[in-house]
Amino acid sequence: MTYSYSYRVGSVKLLGLARLLGIWRASVYKLVFRELLIFCVLYTATSCVYRLLLQSPVQKKIFEKIVVYSGTFESILPLTFILGFYVTVVVQRWWAQYCYIPWPD
């Protein structure tokens, strides 16, 4: 069943775009929102632990050493390598959809 949003787009008010993105079924924002929220919560918690809970410079130095140690694992699987797989999957899906387009032959 298809749902037309075009009548709502024409009458968008100040906060109407946010509401329209909320009801849109195929919204990218809906797909990414949960992961973005989890990332923001974890980032804020880590920042609060470092800035508020770690009082002594020794504790902060240990935390910084843990961060540097965790950063060494980044070179094991480079980001470009992972992004290459992602782009390959996206292009394969796009090509599959392109091949299903009926041509007027």
PDB file of N, CA and C in Angstrom:
ATOM      1  N   MET A   1       0.834  -1.168   0.000  1.00  0.00           N
ATOM      2  CA  MET A   1       0.000   0.000   0.000  1.00  0.00           C
ATOM      3  C   MET A   1       0.884   1.239   0.000  1.00  0.00           C
ATOM      4  N   THR A   2       0.642   2.115  -0.918  1.00  0.00           N
ATOM      5  CA  THR A   2       1.420   3.334  -0.988  1.00  0.00           C
ATOM      6  C   THR A   2       0.715   4.440  -0.234  1.00  0.00           C
ATOM      7  N   TYR A   3       1.491   5.378   0.243  1.00  0.00           N
ATOM      8  CA  TYR A   3       0.962   6.498   1.013  1.00  0.00           C
ATOM      9  C   TYR A   3       1.553   7.766   0.440  1.00  0.00           C
ATOM     10  N   SER A   4       0.712   8.712   0.107  1.00  0.00           N
ATOM     11  CA  SER A   4       1.183   9.937  -0.513  1.00  0.00           C
ATOM     12  C   SER A   4       1.406  11.021   0.548  1.00  0.00           C
ATOM     13  N   TYR A   5       2.590  11.573   0.551  1.00  0.00           N
ATOM     14  CA  TYR A   5       2.934  12.636   1.486  1.00  0.00           C
ATOM     15  C   TYR A   5       2.920  14.003   0.814  1.00  0.00           C
ATOM     16  N   SER A   6       2.610  14.042  -0.461  1.00  0.00           N
ATOM     17  CA  SER A   6       2.742  15.295  -1.201  1.00  0.00           C
ATOM     18  C   SER A   6       1.789  16.369  -0.706  1.00  0.00           C
ATOM     19  N   TYR A   7       0.600  16.003  -0.248  1.00  0.00           N
ATOM     20  CA  TYR A   7      -0.326  17.022   0.241  1.00  0.00           C
ATOM     21  C   TYR A   7       0.163  17.623   1.554  1.00  0.00           C
ATOM     22  N   ARG A   8       0.936  16.867   2.330  1.00  0.00           N
ATOM     23  CA  ARG A   8       1.468  17.398   3.584  1.00  0.00           C
ATOM     24  C   ARG A   8       2.703  18.264   3.350  1.00  0.00           C
ATOM     25  N   VAL A   9       3.465  17.978   2.312  1.00  0.00           N
ATOM     26  CA  VAL A   9       4.663  18.757   2.020  1.00  0.00           C
ATOM     27  C   VAL A   9       4.291  20.175   1.626  1.00  0.00           C
ATOM     28  N   GLY A  10       3.206  20.350   0.921  1.00  0.00           N
ATOM     29  CA  GLY A  10       2.797  21.666   0.473  1.00  0.00           C
ATOM     30  C   GLY A  10       2.319  22.574   1.578  1.00  0.00           C
ATOM     31  N   SER A  11       1.903  22.018   2.698  1.00  0.00           N
ATOM     32  CA  SER A  11       1.374  22.832   3.794  1.00  0.00           C
ATOM     33  C   SER A  11       2.235  22.739   5.047  1.00  0.00           C
ATOM     34  N   VAL A  12       3.536  22.648   4.889  1.00  0.00           N
ATOM     35  CA  VAL A  12       4.435  22.509   6.023  1.00  0.00           C
ATOM     36  C   VAL A  12       4.575  23.849   6.741  1.00  0.00           C
ATOM     37  N   LYS A  13       4.424  23.807   8.060  1.00  0.00           N
ATOM     38  CA  LYS A  13       4.605  24.995   8.895  1.00  0.00           C
ATOM     39  C   LYS A  13       6.019  24.970   9.485  1.00  0.00           C
ATOM     40  N   LEU A  14       6.216  25.668  10.602  1.00  0.00           N
ATOM     41  CA  LEU A  14       7.544  25.819  11.196  1.00  0.00           C
ATOM     42  C   LEU A  14       8.161  24.478  11.599  1.00  0.00           C
ATOM     43  N   LEU A  15       7.458  23.686  12.392  1.00  0.00           N
ATOM     44  CA  LEU A  15       7.972  22.384  12.825  1.00  0.00           C
ATOM     45  C   LEU A  15       7.364  21.234  12.029  1.00  0.00           C
ATOM     46  N   GLY A  16       6.703  21.555  10.948  1.00  0.00           N
ATOM     47  CA  GLY A  16       6.047  20.532  10.147  1.00  0.00           C
ATOM     48  C   GLY A  16       7.006  19.584   9.469  1.00  0.00           C
ATOM     49  N   LEU A  17       8.198  20.075   9.110  1.00  0.00           N
ATOM     50  CA  LEU A  17       9.163  19.201   8.452  1.00  0.00           C
ATOM     51  C   LEU A  17       9.619  18.096   9.389  1.00  0.00           C
ATOM     52  N   ALA A  18       9.859  18.421  10.656  1.00  0.00           N
ATOM     53  CA  ALA A  18      10.256  17.397  11.626  1.00  0.00           C
ATOM     54  C   ALA A  18       9.139  16.372  11.809  1.00  0.00           C
ATOM     55  N   ARG A  19       7.894  16.832  11.851  1.00  0.00           N
ATOM     56  CA  ARG A  19       6.766  15.918  11.985  1.00  0.00           C
ATOM     57  C   ARG A  19       6.611  15.058  10.727  1.00  0.00           C
ATOM     58  N   LEU A  20       6.826  15.665   9.573  1.00  0.00           N
ATOM     59  CA  LEU A  20       6.731  14.925   8.320  1.00  0.00           C
ATOM     60  C   LEU A  20       7.807  13.850   8.236  1.00  0.00           C
ATOM     61  N   LEU A  21       9.028  14.165   8.673  1.00  0.00           N
ATOM     62  CA  LEU A  21      10.087  13.162   8.682  1.00  0.00           C
ATOM     63  C   LEU A  21       9.782  12.054   9.679  1.00  0.00           C
ATOM     64  N   GLY A  22       9.037  12.387  10.737  1.00  0.00           N
ATOM     65  CA  GLY A  22       8.660  11.378  11.721  1.00  0.00           C
ATOM     66  C   GLY A  22       7.648  10.372  11.200  1.00  0.00           C
ATOM     67  N   ILE A  23       6.734  10.819  10.341  1.00  0.00           N
ATOM     68  CA  ILE A  23       5.723   9.887   9.831  1.00  0.00           C
ATOM     69  C   ILE A  23       6.147   9.210   8.535  1.00  0.00           C
ATOM     70  N   TRP A  24       7.180   9.703   7.919  1.00  0.00           N
ATOM     71  CA  TRP A  24       7.645   9.121   6.653  1.00  0.00           C
ATOM     72  C   TRP A  24       8.188   7.728   6.907  1.00  0.00           C
ATOM     73  N   ARG A  25       7.664   6.739   6.260  1.00  0.00           N
ATOM     74  CA  ARG A  25       8.014   5.349   6.542  1.00  0.00           C
ATOM     75  C   ARG A  25       9.417   4.970   6.076  1.00  0.00           C
ATOM     76  N   ALA A  26       9.880   5.542   4.992  1.00  0.00           N
ATOM     77  CA  ALA A  26      11.179   5.174   4.438  1.00  0.00           C
ATOM     78  C   ALA A  26      12.241   6.211   4.787  1.00  0.00           C
ATOM     79  N   SER A  27      12.099   6.867   5.921  1.00  0.00           N
ATOM     80  CA  SER A  27      13.006   7.943   6.292  1.00  0.00           C
ATOM     81  C   SER A  27      14.365   7.402   6.720  1.00  0.00           C
ATOM     82  N   VAL A  28      15.406   8.043   6.231  1.00  0.00           N
ATOM     83  CA  VAL A  28      16.759   7.682   6.648  1.00  0.00           C
ATOM     84  C   VAL A  28      16.949   8.012   8.120  1.00  0.00           C
ATOM     85  N   TYR A  29      16.288   9.058   8.571  1.00  0.00           N
ATOM     86  CA  TYR A  29      16.396   9.450   9.972  1.00  0.00           C
ATOM     87  C   TYR A  29      15.887   8.357  10.898  1.00  0.00           C
ATOM     88  N   LYS A  30      14.826   7.667  10.505  1.00  0.00           N
ATOM     89  CA  LYS A  30      14.322   6.572  11.323  1.00  0.00           C
ATOM     90  C   LYS A  30      15.301   5.408  11.368  1.00  0.00           C
ATOM     91  N   LEU A  31      16.010   5.193  10.287  1.00  0.00           N
ATOM     92  CA  LEU A  31      16.961   4.087  10.250  1.00  0.00           C
ATOM     93  C   LEU A  31      18.210   4.359  11.088  1.00  0.00           C
ATOM     94  N   VAL A  32      18.617   5.605  11.163  1.00  0.00           N
ATOM     95  CA  VAL A  32      19.869   5.963  11.813  1.00  0.00           C
ATOM     96  C   VAL A  32      19.660   6.468  13.239  1.00  0.00           C
ATOM     97  N   PHE A  33      18.433   6.834  13.590  1.00  0.00           N
ATOM     98  CA  PHE A  33      18.176   7.513  14.846  1.00  0.00           C
ATOM     99  C   PHE A  33      18.605   6.699  16.061  1.00  0.00           C
ATOM    100  N   ARG A  34      18.295   5.413  16.099  1.00  0.00           N
ATOM    101  CA  ARG A  34      18.623   4.590  17.261  1.00  0.00           C
ATOM    102  C   ARG A  34      20.133   4.502  17.470  1.00  0.00           C
ATOM    103  N   GLU A  35      20.877   4.252  16.397  1.00  0.00           N
ATOM    104  CA  GLU A  35      22.328   4.156  16.527  1.00  0.00           C
ATOM    105  C   GLU A  35      22.944   5.506  16.914  1.00  0.00           C
ATOM    106  N   LEU A  36      22.403   6.581  16.344  1.00  0.00           N
ATOM    107  CA  LEU A  36      22.887   7.913  16.697  1.00  0.00           C
ATOM    108  C   LEU A  36      22.623   8.228  18.156  1.00  0.00           C
ATOM    109  N   LEU A  37      21.453   7.856  18.650  1.00  0.00           N
ATOM    110  CA  LEU A  37      21.117   8.093  20.052  1.00  0.00           C
ATOM    111  C   LEU A  37      22.024   7.287  20.977  1.00  0.00           C
ATOM    112  N   ILE A  38      22.282   6.035  20.637  1.00  0.00           N
ATOM    113  CA  ILE A  38      23.179   5.199  21.446  1.00  0.00           C
ATOM    114  C   ILE A  38      24.585   5.788  21.448  1.00  0.00           C
ATOM    115  N   PHE A  39      25.081   6.228  20.282  1.00  0.00           N
ATOM    116  CA  PHE A  39      26.407   6.827  20.215  1.00  0.00           C
ATOM    117  C   PHE A  39      26.485   8.086  21.064  1.00  0.00           C
ATOM    118  N   CYS A  40      25.470   8.941  20.977  1.00  0.00           N
ATOM    119  CA  CYS A  40      25.484  10.192  21.747  1.00  0.00           C
ATOM    120  C   CYS A  40      25.444   9.932  23.248  1.00  0.00           C
ATOM    121  N   VAL A  41      24.652   8.953  23.679  1.00  0.00           N
ATOM    122  CA  VAL A  41      24.576   8.622  25.105  1.00  0.00           C
ATOM    123  C   VAL A  41      25.913   8.076  25.597  1.00  0.00           C
ATOM    124  N   LEU A  42      26.518   7.165  24.836  1.00  0.00           N
ATOM    125  CA  LEU A  42      27.808   6.601  25.250  1.00  0.00           C
ATOM    126  C   LEU A  42      28.913   7.652  25.245  1.00  0.00           C
ATOM    127  N   TYR A  43      28.907   8.536  24.256  1.00  0.00           N
ATOM    128  CA  TYR A  43      29.907   9.597  24.192  1.00  0.00           C
ATOM    129  C   TYR A  43      29.756  10.555  25.369  1.00  0.00           C
ATOM    130  N   THR A  44      28.524  10.921  25.687  1.00  0.00           N
ATOM    131  CA  THR A  44      28.277  11.818  26.816  1.00  0.00           C
ATOM    132  C   THR A  44      28.664  11.151  28.132  1.00  0.00           C
ATOM    133  N   ALA A  45      28.355   9.878  28.289  1.00  0.00           N
ATOM    134  CA  ALA A  45      28.717   9.163  29.516  1.00  0.00           C
ATOM    135  C   ALA A  45      30.230   9.086  29.674  1.00  0.00           C
ATOM    136  N   THR A  46      30.929   8.784  28.583  1.00  0.00           N
ATOM    137  CA  THR A  46      32.395   8.725  28.648  1.00  0.00           C
ATOM    138  C   THR A  46      32.986  10.081  28.976  1.00  0.00           C
ATOM    139  N   SER A  47      32.454  11.118  28.380  1.00  0.00           N
ATOM    140  CA  SER A  47      32.940  12.468  28.648  1.00  0.00           C
ATOM    141  C   SER A  47      32.678  12.875  30.094  1.00  0.00           C
ATOM    142  N   CYS A  48      31.508  12.529  30.610  1.00  0.00           N
ATOM    143  CA  CYS A  48      31.202  12.864  32.007  1.00  0.00           C
ATOM    144  C   CYS A  48      32.085  12.088  32.974  1.00  0.00           C
ATOM    145  N   VAL A  49      32.358  10.827  32.667  1.00  0.00           N
ATOM    146  CA  VAL A  49      33.261  10.047  33.526  1.00  0.00           C
ATOM    147  C   VAL A  49      34.632  10.702  33.558  1.00  0.00           C
ATOM    148  N   TYR A  50      35.140  11.094  32.399  1.00  0.00           N
ATOM    149  CA  TYR A  50      36.477  11.682  32.346  1.00  0.00           C
ATOM    150  C   TYR A  50      36.521  13.041  33.029  1.00  0.00           C
ATOM    151  N   ARG A  51      35.526  13.880  32.804  1.00  0.00           N
ATOM    152  CA  ARG A  51      35.566  15.248  33.314  1.00  0.00           C
ATOM    153  C   ARG A  51      35.098  15.369  34.757  1.00  0.00           C
ATOM    154  N   LEU A  52      34.146  14.528  35.190  1.00  0.00           N
ATOM    155  CA  LEU A  52      33.557  14.723  36.507  1.00  0.00           C
ATOM    156  C   LEU A  52      33.952  13.672  37.536  1.00  0.00           C
ATOM    157  N   LEU A  53      34.029  12.417  37.130  1.00  0.00           N
ATOM    158  CA  LEU A  53      34.289  11.354  38.102  1.00  0.00           C
ATOM    159  C   LEU A  53      35.764  11.115  38.363  1.00  0.00           C
ATOM    160  N   LEU A  54      36.596  11.295  37.359  1.00  0.00           N
ATOM    161  CA  LEU A  54      38.030  11.103  37.568  1.00  0.00           C
ATOM    162  C   LEU A  54      38.612  12.385  38.141  1.00  0.00           C
ATOM    163  N   GLN A  55      38.971  12.342  39.420  1.00  0.00           N
ATOM    164  CA  GLN A  55      39.404  13.552  40.113  1.00  0.00           C
ATOM    165  C   GLN A  55      40.910  13.762  40.042  1.00  0.00           C
ATOM    166  N   SER A  56      41.671  12.720  40.282  1.00  0.00           N
ATOM    167  CA  SER A  56      43.128  12.890  40.345  1.00  0.00           C
ATOM    168  C   SER A  56      43.751  12.807  38.955  1.00  0.00           C
ATOM    169  N   PRO A  57      44.898  13.472  38.791  1.00  0.00           N
ATOM    170  CA  PRO A  57      45.596  13.376  37.497  1.00  0.00           C
ATOM    171  C   PRO A  57      46.063  11.957  37.167  1.00  0.00           C
ATOM    172  N   VAL A  58      46.297  11.146  38.188  1.00  0.00           N
ATOM    173  CA  VAL A  58      46.722   9.760  37.957  1.00  0.00           C
ATOM    174  C   VAL A  58      45.593   8.973  37.291  1.00  0.00           C
ATOM    175  N   GLN A  59      44.366   9.163  37.774  1.00  0.00           N
ATOM    176  CA  GLN A  59      43.225   8.470  37.174  1.00  0.00           C
ATOM    177  C   GLN A  59      43.011   8.915  35.732  1.00  0.00           C
ATOM    178  N   LYS A  60      43.167  10.204  35.487  1.00  0.00           N
ATOM    179  CA  LYS A  60      43.007  10.712  34.125  1.00  0.00           C
ATOM    180  C   LYS A  60      44.096  10.179  33.206  1.00  0.00           C
ATOM    181  N   LYS A  61      45.298  10.048  33.729  1.00  0.00           N
ATOM    182  CA  LYS A  61      46.413   9.519  32.922  1.00  0.00           C
ATOM    183  C   LYS A  61      46.159   8.051  32.560  1.00  0.00           C
ATOM    184  N   ILE A  62      45.638   7.268  33.503  1.00  0.00           N
ATOM    185  CA  ILE A  62      45.313   5.864  33.222  1.00  0.00           C
ATOM    186  C   ILE A  62      44.216   5.784  32.158  1.00  0.00           C
ATOM    187  N   PHE A  63      43.198   6.640  32.271  1.00  0.00           N
ATOM    188  CA  PHE A  63      42.129   6.677  31.280  1.00  0.00           C
ATOM    189  C   PHE A  63      42.682   7.023  29.907  1.00  0.00           C
ATOM    190  N   GLU A  64      43.574   7.994  29.843  1.00  0.00           N
ATOM    191  CA  GLU A  64      44.179   8.381  28.561  1.00  0.00           C
ATOM    192  C   GLU A  64      45.005   7.250  27.977  1.00  0.00           C
ATOM    193  N   LYS A  65      45.696   6.496  28.823  1.00  0.00           N
ATOM    194  CA  LYS A  65      46.466   5.346  28.337  1.00  0.00           C
ATOM    195  C   LYS A  65      45.539   4.276  27.762  1.00  0.00           C
ATOM    196  N   ILE A  66      44.381   4.066  28.399  1.00  0.00           N
ATOM    197  CA  ILE A  66      43.406   3.097  27.886  1.00  0.00           C
ATOM    198  C   ILE A  66      42.886   3.547  26.523  1.00  0.00           C
ATOM    199  N   VAL A  67      42.653   4.849  26.374  1.00  0.00           N
ATOM    200  CA  VAL A  67      42.170   5.379  25.101  1.00  0.00           C
ATOM    201  C   VAL A  67      43.215   5.191  24.003  1.00  0.00           C
ATOM    202  N   VAL A  68      44.466   5.479  24.317  1.00  0.00           N
ATOM    203  CA  VAL A  68      45.538   5.306  23.332  1.00  0.00           C
ATOM    204  C   VAL A  68      45.696   3.834  22.972  1.00  0.00           C
ATOM    205  N   TYR A  69      45.596   2.948  23.962  1.00  0.00           N
ATOM    206  CA  TYR A  69      45.688   1.512  23.703  1.00  0.00           C
ATOM    207  C   TYR A  69      44.548   1.047  22.808  1.00  0.00           C
ATOM    208  N   SER A  70      43.337   1.560  23.048  1.00  0.00           N
ATOM    209  CA  SER A  70      42.192   1.199  22.213  1.00  0.00           C
ATOM    210  C   SER A  70      42.367   1.719  20.790  1.00  0.00           C
ATOM    211  N   GLY A  71      43.035   2.872  20.643  1.00  0.00           N
ATOM    212  CA  GLY A  71      43.272   3.438  19.319  1.00  0.00           C
ATOM    213  C   GLY A  71      44.226   2.620  18.475  1.00  0.00           C
ATOM    214  N   THR A  72      45.053   1.794  19.111  1.00  0.00           N
ATOM    215  CA  THR A  72      45.982   0.962  18.339  1.00  0.00           C
ATOM    216  C   THR A  72      45.253  -0.120  17.549  1.00  0.00           C
ATOM    217  N   PHE A  73      44.074  -0.521  17.998  1.00  0.00           N
ATOM    218  CA  PHE A  73      43.309  -1.548  17.286  1.00  0.00           C
ATOM    219  C   PHE A  73      42.665  -1.006  16.026  1.00  0.00           C
ATOM    220  N   GLU A  74      42.660   0.298  15.860  1.00  0.00           N
ATOM    221  CA  GLU A  74      42.077   0.904  14.668  1.00  0.00           C
ATOM    222  C   GLU A  74      42.862   0.546  13.412  1.00  0.00           C
ATOM    223  N   SER A  75      44.152   0.319  13.566  1.00  0.00           N
ATOM    224  CA  SER A  75      44.978   0.017  12.403  1.00  0.00           C
ATOM    225  C   SER A  75      44.854  -1.444  11.952  1.00  0.00           C
ATOM    226  N   ILE A  76      44.253  -2.292  12.766  1.00  0.00           N
ATOM    227  CA  ILE A  76      44.100  -3.700  12.386  1.00  0.00           C
ATOM    228  C   ILE A  76      43.139  -3.821  11.202  1.00  0.00           C
ATOM    229  N   LEU A  77      41.972  -3.177  11.298  1.00  0.00           N
ATOM    230  CA  LEU A  77      41.018  -3.111  10.192  1.00  0.00           C
ATOM    231  C   LEU A  77      40.826  -1.641   9.847  1.00  0.00           C
ATOM    232  N   PRO A  78      41.511  -1.171   8.834  1.00  0.00           N
ATOM    233  CA  PRO A  78      41.391   0.252   8.497  1.00  0.00           C
ATOM    234  C   PRO A  78      39.968   0.611   8.063  1.00  0.00           C
ATOM    235  N   LEU A  79      39.617   1.841   8.320  1.00  0.00           N
ATOM    236  CA  LEU A  79      38.277   2.313   7.994  1.00  0.00           C
ATOM    237  C   LEU A  79      38.011   2.268   6.495  1.00  0.00           C
ATOM    238  N   THR A  80      39.021   2.554   5.692  1.00  0.00           N
ATOM    239  CA  THR A  80      38.832   2.520   4.240  1.00  0.00           C
ATOM    240  C   THR A  80      38.508   1.111   3.752  1.00  0.00           C
ATOM    241  N   PHE A  81      39.076   0.101   4.404  1.00  0.00           N
ATOM    242  CA  PHE A  81      38.805  -1.287   4.047  1.00  0.00           C
ATOM    243  C   PHE A  81      37.342  -1.639   4.324  1.00  0.00           C
ATOM    244  N   ILE A  82      36.840  -1.224   5.482  1.00  0.00           N
ATOM    245  CA  ILE A  82      35.448  -1.495   5.849  1.00  0.00           C
ATOM    246  C   ILE A  82      34.507  -0.716   4.944  1.00  0.00           C
ATOM    247  N   LEU A  83      34.839   0.537   4.658  1.00  0.00           N
ATOM    248  CA  LEU A  83      34.009   1.345   3.774  1.00  0.00           C
ATOM    249  C   LEU A  83      33.974   0.777   2.358  1.00  0.00           C
ATOM    250  N   GLY A  84      35.048   0.141   1.941  1.00  0.00           N
ATOM    251  CA  GLY A  84      35.071  -0.504   0.634  1.00  0.00           C
ATOM    252  C   GLY A  84      34.019  -1.595   0.527  1.00  0.00           C
ATOM    253  N   PHE A  85      33.895  -2.413   1.566  1.00  0.00           N
ATOM    254  CA  PHE A  85      32.853  -3.436   1.572  1.00  0.00           C
ATOM    255  C   PHE A  85      31.469  -2.813   1.560  1.00  0.00           C
ATOM    256  N   TYR A  86      31.281  -1.753   2.329  1.00  0.00           N
ATOM    257  CA  TYR A  86      29.977  -1.083   2.386  1.00  0.00           C
ATOM    258  C   TYR A  86      29.594  -0.522   1.018  1.00  0.00           C
ATOM    259  N   VAL A  87      30.514   0.149   0.376  1.00  0.00           N
ATOM    260  CA  VAL A  87      30.238   0.727  -0.936  1.00  0.00           C
ATOM    261  C   VAL A  87      29.955  -0.369  -1.954  1.00  0.00           C
ATOM    262  N   THR A  88      30.662  -1.477  -1.852  1.00  0.00           N
ATOM    263  CA  THR A  88      30.422  -2.599  -2.760  1.00  0.00           C
ATOM    264  C   THR A  88      28.995  -3.121  -2.612  1.00  0.00           C
ATOM    265  N   VAL A  89      28.536  -3.265  -1.385  1.00  0.00           N
ATOM    266  CA  VAL A  89      27.176  -3.752  -1.145  1.00  0.00           C
ATOM    267  C   VAL A  89      26.150  -2.755  -1.680  1.00  0.00           C
ATOM    268  N   VAL A  90      26.374  -1.468  -1.456  1.00  0.00           N
ATOM    269  CA  VAL A  90      25.433  -0.447  -1.934  1.00  0.00           C
ATOM    270  C   VAL A  90      25.369  -0.439  -3.448  1.00  0.00           C
ATOM    271  N   VAL A  91      26.517  -0.522  -4.103  1.00  0.00           N
ATOM    272  CA  VAL A  91      26.534  -0.515  -5.567  1.00  0.00           C
ATOM    273  C   VAL A  91      25.892  -1.775  -6.119  1.00  0.00           C
ATOM    274  N   GLN A  92      26.095  -2.913  -5.485  1.00  0.00           N
ATOM    275  CA  GLN A  92      25.446  -4.148  -5.942  1.00  0.00           C
ATOM    276  C   GLN A  92      23.932  -4.047  -5.843  1.00  0.00           C
ATOM    277  N   ARG A  93      23.436  -3.471  -4.752  1.00  0.00           N
ATOM    278  CA  ARG A  93      21.983  -3.305  -4.616  1.00  0.00           C
ATOM    279  C   ARG A  93      21.450  -2.334  -5.664  1.00  0.00           C
ATOM    280  N   TRP A  94      22.176  -1.245  -5.876  1.00  0.00           N
ATOM    281  CA  TRP A  94      21.747  -0.283  -6.877  1.00  0.00           C
ATOM    282  C   TRP A  94      21.721  -0.916  -8.256  1.00  0.00           C
ATOM    283  N   TRP A  95      22.736  -1.685  -8.595  1.00  0.00           N
ATOM    284  CA  TRP A  95      22.809  -2.317  -9.907  1.00  0.00           C
ATOM    285  C   TRP A  95      21.692  -3.344 -10.073  1.00  0.00           C
ATOM    286  N   ALA A  96      21.375  -4.065  -9.003  1.00  0.00           N
ATOM    287  CA  ALA A  96      20.276  -5.033  -9.080  1.00  0.00           C
ATOM    288  C   ALA A  96      18.952  -4.322  -9.344  1.00  0.00           C
ATOM    289  N   GLN A  97      18.728  -3.187  -8.699  1.00  0.00           N
ATOM    290  CA  GLN A  97      17.504  -2.433  -8.956  1.00  0.00           C
ATOM    291  C   GLN A  97      17.502  -1.860 -10.366  1.00  0.00           C
ATOM    292  N   TYR A  98      18.639  -1.424 -10.830  1.00  0.00           N
ATOM    293  CA  TYR A  98      18.758  -0.881 -12.180  1.00  0.00           C
ATOM    294  C   TYR A  98      18.451  -1.959 -13.216  1.00  0.00           C
ATOM    295  N   CYS A  99      18.893  -3.162 -12.955  1.00  0.00           N
ATOM    296  CA  CYS A  99      18.647  -4.253 -13.910  1.00  0.00           C
ATOM    297  C   CYS A  99      17.176  -4.654 -13.965  1.00  0.00           C
ATOM    298  N   TYR A 100      16.419  -4.379 -12.899  1.00  0.00           N
ATOM    299  CA  TYR A 100      15.003  -4.731 -12.882  1.00  0.00           C
ATOM    300  C   TYR A 100      14.120  -3.674 -13.544  1.00  0.00           C
ATOM    301  N   ILE A 101      14.684  -2.563 -13.978  1.00  0.00           N
ATOM    302  CA  ILE A 101      13.894  -1.537 -14.653  1.00  0.00           C
ATOM    303  C   ILE A 101      13.464  -2.071 -16.012  1.00  0.00           C
ATOM    304  N   PRO A 102      12.173  -2.042 -16.303  1.00  0.00           N
ATOM    305  CA  PRO A 102      11.734  -2.534 -17.618  1.00  0.00           C
ATOM    306  C   PRO A 102      12.067  -1.519 -18.713  1.00  0.00           C
ATOM    307  N   TRP A 103      12.653  -2.017 -19.768  1.00  0.00           N
ATOM    308  CA  TRP A 103      13.008  -1.157 -20.910  1.00  0.00           C
ATOM    309  C   TRP A 103      11.995  -1.361 -22.026  1.00  0.00           C
ATOM    310  N   PRO A 104      11.624  -0.289 -22.692  1.00  0.00           N
ATOM    311  CA  PRO A 104      10.623  -0.413 -23.779  1.00  0.00           C
ATOM    312  C   PRO A 104      11.267  -0.912 -25.081  1.00  0.00           C
ATOM    313  N   ASP A 105      11.600  -2.167 -25.103  1.00  0.00           N
ATOM    314  CA  ASP A 105      12.244  -2.741 -26.300  1.00  0.00           C
ATOM    315  C   ASP A 105      11.241  -3.301 -27.252  1.00  0.00           C
TER     316      ASP A 105
END
